[in-house]
Amino acid sequence: MRTLKLALVAAIGSLALAGAAQAQDEGPSFSFNIGANTDYVFRGFSQTNEDPSVFGGIDASLGIGYAGVWASNVDFGNGTDAEVDLYAGIKPSAGPVSFDIGVIYYGYLGSCCHQAYWEGKVAASVPAGPATLGAAVYYSPEFFGKTGDAVYYEANAAVSIPETPFSISGAVGRQNIDKAADYTTWNLGVGFSLNDHVGFDVRYFDTNLSKAASGGLADSRVVGGIKLTW
């Protein structure tokens, strides 16, 4: 784990310095999003006790830098009402490879159980014909519910179907947690772009956790959603 931490710090530092040289002297730009899902699933786990979610966010970008806030209703059965995430980072590139290096703070309203935590992220993606291939690593020194060190690894891919508004995407991830069960999660879905501002997604989620280990909240499920951006 210590070797991984040092490698992540070195990667963040070197890429941040390289990316800083690409910054542009332009004003910030903003984008907004709102949407709804039949279930809010995060790394294979329902965050809304298998009920629908409503979410929204604001993003700002300046050169290769970005920052934003995103919120959704949640239900952990302990009085927690909402999740509010704050994040910031940079998106430098090296040849065909695009990087995303940042930090995310996960906050909760009505939280009773030390649920808030933060993660560092290093992600990369590269085009491959009509597809985009990606990988990411997330690290938290004190994960959700004070469960200790946690690392999440993910490989993902997305492909647009030529001459149609449809796309297919999926991911496989591994969540390792110091004081909780490690598990593998995966998802596969189909997206549909009605126009430049409205998109739909239908996605299958699953994990290798038993019903007893997850309380049934990480079982296989199909989730539908709509998202509006402007």
C-alpha atoms as a PDB file:
ATOM      1  CA  MET A   1       0.000   0.000   0.000  1.00  0.00           C
ATOM      2  CA  ARG A   2       2.849   2.419   0.819  1.00  0.00           C
ATOM      3  CA  THR A   3       4.417   1.783  -2.595  1.00  0.00           C
ATOM      4  CA  LEU A   4       1.090   2.529  -4.277  1.00  0.00           C
ATOM      5  CA  LYS A   5       0.696   5.787  -2.310  1.00  0.00           C
ATOM      6  CA  LEU A   6       4.179   6.960  -3.341  1.00  0.00           C
ATOM      7  CA  ALA A   7       3.516   6.034  -6.971  1.00  0.00           C
ATOM      8  CA  LEU A   8       0.241   7.974  -6.993  1.00  0.00           C
ATOM      9  CA  VAL A   9       1.864  11.044  -5.446  1.00  0.00           C
ATOM     10  CA  ALA A  10       4.708  10.916  -7.982  1.00  0.00           C
ATOM     11  CA  ALA A  11       2.265  10.527 -10.881  1.00  0.00           C
ATOM     12  CA  ILE A  12       0.100  13.409  -9.703  1.00  0.00           C
ATOM     13  CA  GLY A  13       3.101  15.664  -9.203  1.00  0.00           C
ATOM     14  CA  SER A  14       4.777  14.977 -12.541  1.00  0.00           C
ATOM     15  CA  LEU A  15       1.584  15.192 -14.586  1.00  0.00           C
ATOM     16  CA  ALA A  16       0.429  18.328 -12.804  1.00  0.00           C
ATOM     17  CA  LEU A  17       3.709  20.067 -13.639  1.00  0.00           C
ATOM     18  CA  ALA A  18       3.512  18.927 -17.250  1.00  0.00           C
ATOM     19  CA  GLY A  19      -0.111  19.999 -17.523  1.00  0.00           C
ATOM     20  CA  ALA A  20       0.444  23.421 -15.999  1.00  0.00           C
ATOM     21  CA  ALA A  21       2.373  24.437 -19.091  1.00  0.00           C
ATOM     22  CA  GLN A  22      -0.749  23.815 -21.177  1.00  0.00           C
ATOM     23  CA  ALA A  23      -3.001  26.190 -19.194  1.00  0.00           C
ATOM     24  CA  GLN A  24      -4.722  28.857 -21.266  1.00  0.00           C
ATOM     25  CA  ASP A  25      -5.320  32.502 -20.370  1.00  0.00           C
ATOM     26  CA  GLU A  26      -9.062  32.340 -20.936  1.00  0.00           C
ATOM     27  CA  GLY A  27     -11.972  33.040 -18.639  1.00  0.00           C
ATOM     28  CA  PRO A  28     -13.728  30.191 -16.847  1.00  0.00           C
ATOM     29  CA  SER A  29     -16.609  28.329 -18.475  1.00  0.00           C
ATOM     30  CA  PHE A  30     -19.527  26.730 -16.642  1.00  0.00           C
ATOM     31  CA  SER A  31     -21.844  23.803 -17.276  1.00  0.00           C
ATOM     32  CA  PHE A  32     -24.861  22.489 -15.409  1.00  0.00           C
ATOM     33  CA  ASN A  33     -26.611  19.141 -15.130  1.00  0.00           C
ATOM     34  CA  ILE A  34     -29.733  17.683 -13.544  1.00  0.00           C
ATOM     35  CA  GLY A  35     -31.211  14.216 -13.797  1.00  0.00           C
ATOM     36  CA  ALA A  36     -32.950  11.263 -12.232  1.00  0.00           C
ATOM     37  CA  ASN A  37     -32.322   7.518 -11.885  1.00  0.00           C
ATOM     38  CA  THR A  38     -34.467   4.585 -10.856  1.00  0.00           C
ATOM     39  CA  ASP A  39     -31.673   3.814  -8.336  1.00  0.00           C
ATOM     40  CA  TYR A  40     -28.425   5.572  -7.404  1.00  0.00           C
ATOM     41  CA  VAL A  41     -25.713   2.911  -7.651  1.00  0.00           C
ATOM     42  CA  PHE A  42     -22.105   3.675  -6.655  1.00  0.00           C
ATOM     43  CA  ARG A  43     -19.485   0.980  -7.230  1.00  0.00           C
ATOM     44  CA  GLY A  44     -22.168  -1.677  -7.239  1.00  0.00           C
ATOM     45  CA  PHE A  45     -24.021  -0.528  -4.091  1.00  0.00           C
ATOM     46  CA  SER A  46     -27.422   1.153  -4.024  1.00  0.00           C
ATOM     47  CA  GLN A  47     -27.120   4.480  -2.218  1.00  0.00           C
ATOM     48  CA  THR A  48     -30.874   5.077  -2.044  1.00  0.00           C
ATOM     49  CA  ASN A  49     -32.059   1.769  -0.568  1.00  0.00           C
ATOM     50  CA  GLU A  50     -33.099   0.769  -4.108  1.00  0.00           C
ATOM     51  CA  ASP A  51     -35.343   3.824  -4.483  1.00  0.00           C
ATOM     52  CA  PRO A  52     -35.126   6.507  -7.222  1.00  0.00           C
ATOM     53  CA  SER A  53     -32.680   9.400  -7.054  1.00  0.00           C
ATOM     54  CA  VAL A  54     -32.658  12.992  -8.246  1.00  0.00           C
ATOM     55  CA  PHE A  55     -29.324  14.748  -8.767  1.00  0.00           C
ATOM     56  CA  GLY A  56     -27.731  17.908 -10.060  1.00  0.00           C
ATOM     57  CA  GLY A  57     -24.358  19.574 -10.409  1.00  0.00           C
ATOM     58  CA  ILE A  58     -22.347  22.592 -11.523  1.00  0.00           C
ATOM     59  CA  ASP A  59     -18.915  22.400 -13.172  1.00  0.00           C
ATOM     60  CA  ALA A  60     -16.386  25.133 -13.875  1.00  0.00           C
ATOM     61  CA  SER A  61     -13.324  24.816 -16.093  1.00  0.00           C
ATOM     62  CA  LEU A  62     -10.354  27.067 -16.797  1.00  0.00           C
ATOM     63  CA  GLY A  63      -7.650  25.840 -19.141  1.00  0.00           C
ATOM     64  CA  ILE A  64      -6.890  22.280 -18.050  1.00  0.00           C
ATOM     65  CA  GLY A  65      -8.263  22.888 -14.556  1.00  0.00           C
ATOM     66  CA  TYR A  66     -11.749  22.103 -13.329  1.00  0.00           C
ATOM     67  CA  ALA A  67     -13.854  22.162 -10.165  1.00  0.00           C
ATOM     68  CA  GLY A  68     -17.437  21.346  -9.335  1.00  0.00           C
ATOM     69  CA  VAL A  69     -20.165  20.359  -6.937  1.00  0.00           C
ATOM     70  CA  TRP A  70     -22.709  17.534  -7.303  1.00  0.00           C
ATOM     71  CA  ALA A  71     -25.588  16.457  -5.061  1.00  0.00           C
ATOM     72  CA  SER A  72     -28.099  13.606  -4.842  1.00  0.00           C
ATOM     73  CA  ASN A  73     -30.583  12.211  -2.366  1.00  0.00           C
ATOM     74  CA  VAL A  74     -29.410   9.070  -0.504  1.00  0.00           C
ATOM     75  CA  ASP A  75     -30.901   6.667   2.030  1.00  0.00           C
ATOM     76  CA  PHE A  76     -28.648   4.573   4.276  1.00  0.00           C
ATOM     77  CA  GLY A  77     -31.362   3.862   6.823  1.00  0.00           C
ATOM     78  CA  ASN A  78     -29.672   6.071   9.439  1.00  0.00           C
ATOM     79  CA  GLY A  79     -31.131   9.521   8.808  1.00  0.00           C
ATOM     80  CA  THR A  80     -28.701  10.574   6.069  1.00  0.00           C
ATOM     81  CA  ASP A  81     -30.679  12.566   3.519  1.00  0.00           C
ATOM     82  CA  ALA A  82     -28.275  13.735   0.819  1.00  0.00           C
ATOM     83  CA  GLU A  83     -24.791  13.399  -0.595  1.00  0.00           C
ATOM     84  CA  VAL A  84     -22.895  16.537  -1.625  1.00  0.00           C
ATOM     85  CA  ASP A  85     -19.613  16.045  -3.471  1.00  0.00           C
ATOM     86  CA  LEU A  86     -16.921  18.676  -4.052  1.00  0.00           C
ATOM     87  CA  TYR A  87     -14.155  17.994  -6.546  1.00  0.00           C
ATOM     88  CA  ALA A  88     -11.299  19.649  -8.406  1.00  0.00           C
ATOM     89  CA  GLY A  89      -8.449  18.619 -10.651  1.00  0.00           C
ATOM     90  CA  ILE A  90      -6.636  18.982 -13.933  1.00  0.00           C
ATOM     91  CA  LYS A  91      -6.964  17.263 -17.306  1.00  0.00           C
ATOM     92  CA  PRO A  92      -3.594  17.326 -19.066  1.00  0.00           C
ATOM     93  CA  SER A  93      -2.732  15.226 -22.107  1.00  0.00           C
ATOM     94  CA  ALA A  94       0.346  13.473 -23.462  1.00  0.00           C
ATOM     95  CA  GLY A  95       0.013  12.542 -27.120  1.00  0.00           C
ATOM     96  CA  PRO A  96      -3.234  10.601 -27.560  1.00  0.00           C
ATOM     97  CA  VAL A  97      -3.597   9.944 -23.823  1.00  0.00           C
ATOM     98  CA  SER A  98      -5.897  12.188 -21.779  1.00  0.00           C
ATOM     99  CA  PHE A  99      -5.413  12.292 -18.008  1.00  0.00           C
ATOM    100  CA  ASP A 100      -7.729  13.293 -15.178  1.00  0.00           C
ATOM    101  CA  ILE A 101      -5.956  13.978 -11.880  1.00  0.00           C
ATOM    102  CA  GLY A 102      -7.950  15.284  -8.964  1.00  0.00           C
ATOM    103  CA  VAL A 103      -9.479  15.025  -5.523  1.00  0.00           C
ATOM    104  CA  ILE A 104     -13.083  14.352  -4.478  1.00  0.00           C
ATOM    105  CA  TYR A 105     -14.748  15.072  -1.129  1.00  0.00           C
ATOM    106  CA  TYR A 106     -17.901  13.070  -0.391  1.00  0.00           C
ATOM    107  CA  GLY A 107     -20.060  14.872   2.170  1.00  0.00           C
ATOM    108  CA  TYR A 108     -23.394  13.781   3.654  1.00  0.00           C
ATOM    109  CA  LEU A 109     -26.271  15.780   5.133  1.00  0.00           C
ATOM    110  CA  GLY A 110     -27.820  14.336   8.282  1.00  0.00           C
ATOM    111  CA  SER A 111     -24.899  11.950   8.641  1.00  0.00           C
ATOM    112  CA  CYS A 112     -24.486  10.271  12.004  1.00  0.00           C
ATOM    113  CA  CYS A 113     -21.642   7.812  11.481  1.00  0.00           C
ATOM    114  CA  HIS A 114     -18.432   9.450  10.216  1.00  0.00           C
ATOM    115  CA  GLN A 115     -19.492   8.836   6.626  1.00  0.00           C
ATOM    116  CA  ALA A 116     -17.699  11.765   4.943  1.00  0.00           C
ATOM    117  CA  TYR A 117     -14.381  11.009   3.249  1.00  0.00           C
ATOM    118  CA  TRP A 118     -12.136  12.122   0.409  1.00  0.00           C
ATOM    119  CA  GLU A 119     -10.333  10.357  -2.439  1.00  0.00           C
ATOM    120  CA  GLY A 120      -7.477  11.167  -4.772  1.00  0.00           C
ATOM    121  CA  LYS A 121      -7.921  10.128  -8.402  1.00  0.00           C
ATOM    122  CA  VAL A 122      -5.587   9.370 -11.322  1.00  0.00           C
ATOM    123  CA  ALA A 123      -7.367   8.345 -14.532  1.00  0.00           C
ATOM    124  CA  ALA A 124      -6.329   8.020 -18.163  1.00  0.00           C
ATOM    125  CA  SER A 125      -8.125   7.356 -21.429  1.00  0.00           C
ATOM    126  CA  VAL A 126      -7.079   6.811 -25.030  1.00  0.00           C
ATOM    127  CA  PRO A 127      -9.075   6.612 -28.280  1.00  0.00           C
ATOM    128  CA  ALA A 128      -9.103   3.280 -30.109  1.00  0.00           C
ATOM    129  CA  GLY A 129     -11.025   3.672 -33.360  1.00  0.00           C
ATOM    130  CA  PRO A 130     -14.664   4.397 -32.481  1.00  0.00           C
ATOM    131  CA  ALA A 131     -13.998   3.359 -28.870  1.00  0.00           C
ATOM    132  CA  THR A 132     -12.383   4.994 -25.864  1.00  0.00           C
ATOM    133  CA  LEU A 133     -10.427   2.823 -23.423  1.00  0.00           C
ATOM    134  CA  GLY A 134      -9.723   3.979 -19.891  1.00  0.00           C
ATOM    135  CA  ALA A 135      -8.344   3.067 -16.487  1.00  0.00           C
ATOM    136  CA  ALA A 136      -8.466   4.771 -13.105  1.00  0.00           C
ATOM    137  CA  VAL A 137      -7.191   4.445  -9.534  1.00  0.00           C
ATOM    138  CA  TYR A 138      -8.859   6.092  -6.515  1.00  0.00           C
ATOM    139  CA  TYR A 139      -7.245   6.195  -3.070  1.00  0.00           C
ATOM    140  CA  SER A 140      -8.713   7.242   0.285  1.00  0.00           C
ATOM    141  CA  PRO A 141      -6.697   7.299   3.534  1.00  0.00           C
ATOM    142  CA  GLU A 142      -9.940   6.935   5.548  1.00  0.00           C
ATOM    143  CA  PHE A 143     -12.864   5.495   3.623  1.00  0.00           C
ATOM    144  CA  PHE A 144     -16.637   5.732   4.199  1.00  0.00           C
ATOM    145  CA  GLY A 145     -17.578   5.041   7.830  1.00  0.00           C
ATOM    146  CA  LYS A 146     -13.934   5.231   8.974  1.00  0.00           C
ATOM    147  CA  THR A 147     -13.068   1.858   7.458  1.00  0.00           C
ATOM    148  CA  GLY A 148      -9.410   2.728   6.857  1.00  0.00           C
ATOM    149  CA  ASP A 149      -7.275   2.807   3.711  1.00  0.00           C
ATOM    150  CA  ALA A 150      -9.188   2.059   0.516  1.00  0.00           C
ATOM    151  CA  VAL A 151      -8.145   1.705  -3.119  1.00  0.00           C
ATOM    152  CA  TYR A 152     -10.471   1.339  -6.081  1.00  0.00           C
ATOM    153  CA  TYR A 153      -9.110   0.181  -9.459  1.00  0.00           C
ATOM    154  CA  GLU A 154     -11.178   0.354 -12.625  1.00  0.00           C
ATOM    155  CA  ALA A 155     -10.888  -0.489 -16.316  1.00  0.00           C
ATOM    156  CA  ASN A 156     -13.564   0.954 -18.582  1.00  0.00           C
ATOM    157  CA  ALA A 157     -14.511   1.291 -22.223  1.00  0.00           C
ATOM    158  CA  ALA A 158     -17.077   3.149 -24.302  1.00  0.00           C
ATOM    159  CA  VAL A 159     -17.959   2.967 -27.984  1.00  0.00           C
ATOM    160  CA  SER A 160     -20.341   5.050 -30.078  1.00  0.00           C
ATOM    161  CA  ILE A 161     -22.368   3.135 -32.647  1.00  0.00           C
ATOM    162  CA  PRO A 162     -21.652   4.897 -35.980  1.00  0.00           C
ATOM    163  CA  GLU A 163     -24.471   6.924 -37.534  1.00  0.00           C
ATOM    164  CA  THR A 164     -26.760   6.351 -34.543  1.00  0.00           C
ATOM    165  CA  PRO A 165     -27.433   8.212 -31.271  1.00  0.00           C
ATOM    166  CA  PHE A 166     -26.554   5.062 -29.309  1.00  0.00           C
ATOM    167  CA  SER A 167     -23.414   4.172 -27.367  1.00  0.00           C
ATOM    168  CA  ILE A 168     -22.309   1.192 -25.293  1.00  0.00           C
ATOM    169  CA  SER A 169     -20.116   1.475 -22.206  1.00  0.00           C
ATOM    170  CA  GLY A 170     -19.008  -0.635 -19.295  1.00  0.00           C
ATOM    171  CA  ALA A 171     -16.498  -0.988 -16.489  1.00  0.00           C
ATOM    172  CA  VAL A 172     -14.940  -3.556 -14.187  1.00  0.00           C
ATOM    173  CA  GLY A 173     -13.626  -2.400 -10.805  1.00  0.00           C
ATOM    174  CA  ARG A 174     -12.052  -3.769  -7.656  1.00  0.00           C
ATOM    175  CA  GLN A 175     -12.668  -2.104  -4.284  1.00  0.00           C
ATOM    176  CA  ASN A 176     -10.138  -2.953  -1.557  1.00  0.00           C
ATOM    177  CA  ILE A 177     -10.924  -1.660   1.956  1.00  0.00           C
ATOM    178  CA  ASP A 178      -8.736  -2.071   5.039  1.00  0.00           C
ATOM    179  CA  LYS A 179     -11.551  -2.688   7.553  1.00  0.00           C
ATOM    180  CA  ALA A 180     -14.363  -3.976   5.330  1.00  0.00           C
ATOM    181  CA  ALA A 181     -14.954  -6.645   2.703  1.00  0.00           C
ATOM    182  CA  ASP A 182     -13.087  -6.352  -0.591  1.00  0.00           C
ATOM    183  CA  TYR A 183     -15.177  -6.965  -3.691  1.00  0.00           C
ATOM    184  CA  THR A 184     -15.351  -6.756  -7.482  1.00  0.00           C
ATOM    185  CA  THR A 185     -18.041  -4.814  -9.324  1.00  0.00           C
ATOM    186  CA  TRP A 186     -18.987  -4.422 -12.968  1.00  0.00           C
ATOM    187  CA  ASN A 187     -21.536  -2.662 -15.140  1.00  0.00           C
ATOM    188  CA  LEU A 188     -22.640  -2.576 -18.765  1.00  0.00           C
ATOM    189  CA  GLY A 189     -25.080  -0.181 -20.338  1.00  0.00           C
ATOM    190  CA  VAL A 190     -26.544   1.488 -23.403  1.00  0.00           C
ATOM    191  CA  GLY A 191     -26.777   5.255 -23.780  1.00  0.00           C
ATOM    192  CA  PHE A 192     -29.065   7.228 -26.072  1.00  0.00           C
ATOM    193  CA  SER A 193     -28.500  10.910 -26.919  1.00  0.00           C
ATOM    194  CA  LEU A 194     -31.776  12.589 -27.788  1.00  0.00           C
ATOM    195  CA  ASN A 195     -29.835  15.757 -28.632  1.00  0.00           C
ATOM    196  CA  ASP A 196     -26.814  17.694 -27.367  1.00  0.00           C
ATOM    197  CA  HIS A 197     -28.523  18.328 -24.023  1.00  0.00           C
ATOM    198  CA  VAL A 198     -30.653  15.277 -23.177  1.00  0.00           C
ATOM    199  CA  GLY A 199     -29.356  11.750 -22.692  1.00  0.00           C
ATOM    200  CA  PHE A 200     -30.773   8.438 -21.450  1.00  0.00           C
ATOM    201  CA  ASP A 201     -28.956   5.430 -19.996  1.00  0.00           C
ATOM    202  CA  VAL A 202     -30.010   1.869 -19.133  1.00  0.00           C
ATOM    203  CA  ARG A 203     -27.361  -0.064 -17.201  1.00  0.00           C
ATOM    204  CA  TYR A 204     -26.847  -3.442 -15.571  1.00  0.00           C
ATOM    205  CA  PHE A 205     -24.872  -3.483 -12.290  1.00  0.00           C
ATOM    206  CA  ASP A 206     -23.551  -6.419 -10.263  1.00  0.00           C
ATOM    207  CA  THR A 207     -20.900  -7.430  -7.708  1.00  0.00           C
ATOM    208  CA  ASN A 208     -19.435 -10.661  -6.372  1.00  0.00           C
ATOM    209  CA  LEU A 209     -20.722  -9.946  -2.849  1.00  0.00           C
ATOM    210  CA  SER A 210     -23.271 -12.287  -1.325  1.00  0.00           C
ATOM    211  CA  LYS A 211     -26.685 -11.014  -0.269  1.00  0.00           C
ATOM    212  CA  ALA A 212     -25.714 -11.567   3.373  1.00  0.00           C
ATOM    213  CA  ALA A 213     -22.505  -9.518   2.996  1.00  0.00           C
ATOM    214  CA  SER A 214     -24.184  -6.557   1.270  1.00  0.00           C
ATOM    215  CA  GLY A 215     -27.637  -6.606   2.820  1.00  0.00           C
ATOM    216  CA  GLY A 216     -29.002  -7.090  -0.678  1.00  0.00           C
ATOM    217  CA  LEU A 217     -27.860  -3.605  -1.735  1.00  0.00           C
ATOM    218  CA  ALA A 218     -25.126  -4.906  -4.077  1.00  0.00           C
ATOM    219  CA  ASP A 219     -27.205  -7.524  -5.893  1.00  0.00           C
ATOM    220  CA  SER A 220     -27.578  -7.476  -9.660  1.00  0.00           C
ATOM    221  CA  ARG A 221     -29.930  -4.751 -10.901  1.00  0.00           C
ATOM    222  CA  VAL A 222     -30.903  -2.751 -13.963  1.00  0.00           C
ATOM    223  CA  VAL A 223     -31.037   1.030 -13.599  1.00  0.00           C
ATOM    224  CA  GLY A 224     -32.539   3.570 -15.975  1.00  0.00           C
ATOM    225  CA  GLY A 225     -31.755   7.259 -15.977  1.00  0.00           C
ATOM    226  CA  ILE A 226     -32.105  10.596 -17.733  1.00  0.00           C
ATOM    227  CA  LYS A 227     -29.654  13.508 -17.642  1.00  0.00           C
ATOM    228  CA  LEU A 228     -29.977  17.080 -18.918  1.00  0.00           C
ATOM    229  CA  THR A 229     -26.857  19.212 -19.484  1.00  0.00           C
ATOM    230  CA  TRP A 230     -26.369  22.805 -20.613  1.00  0.00           C
END
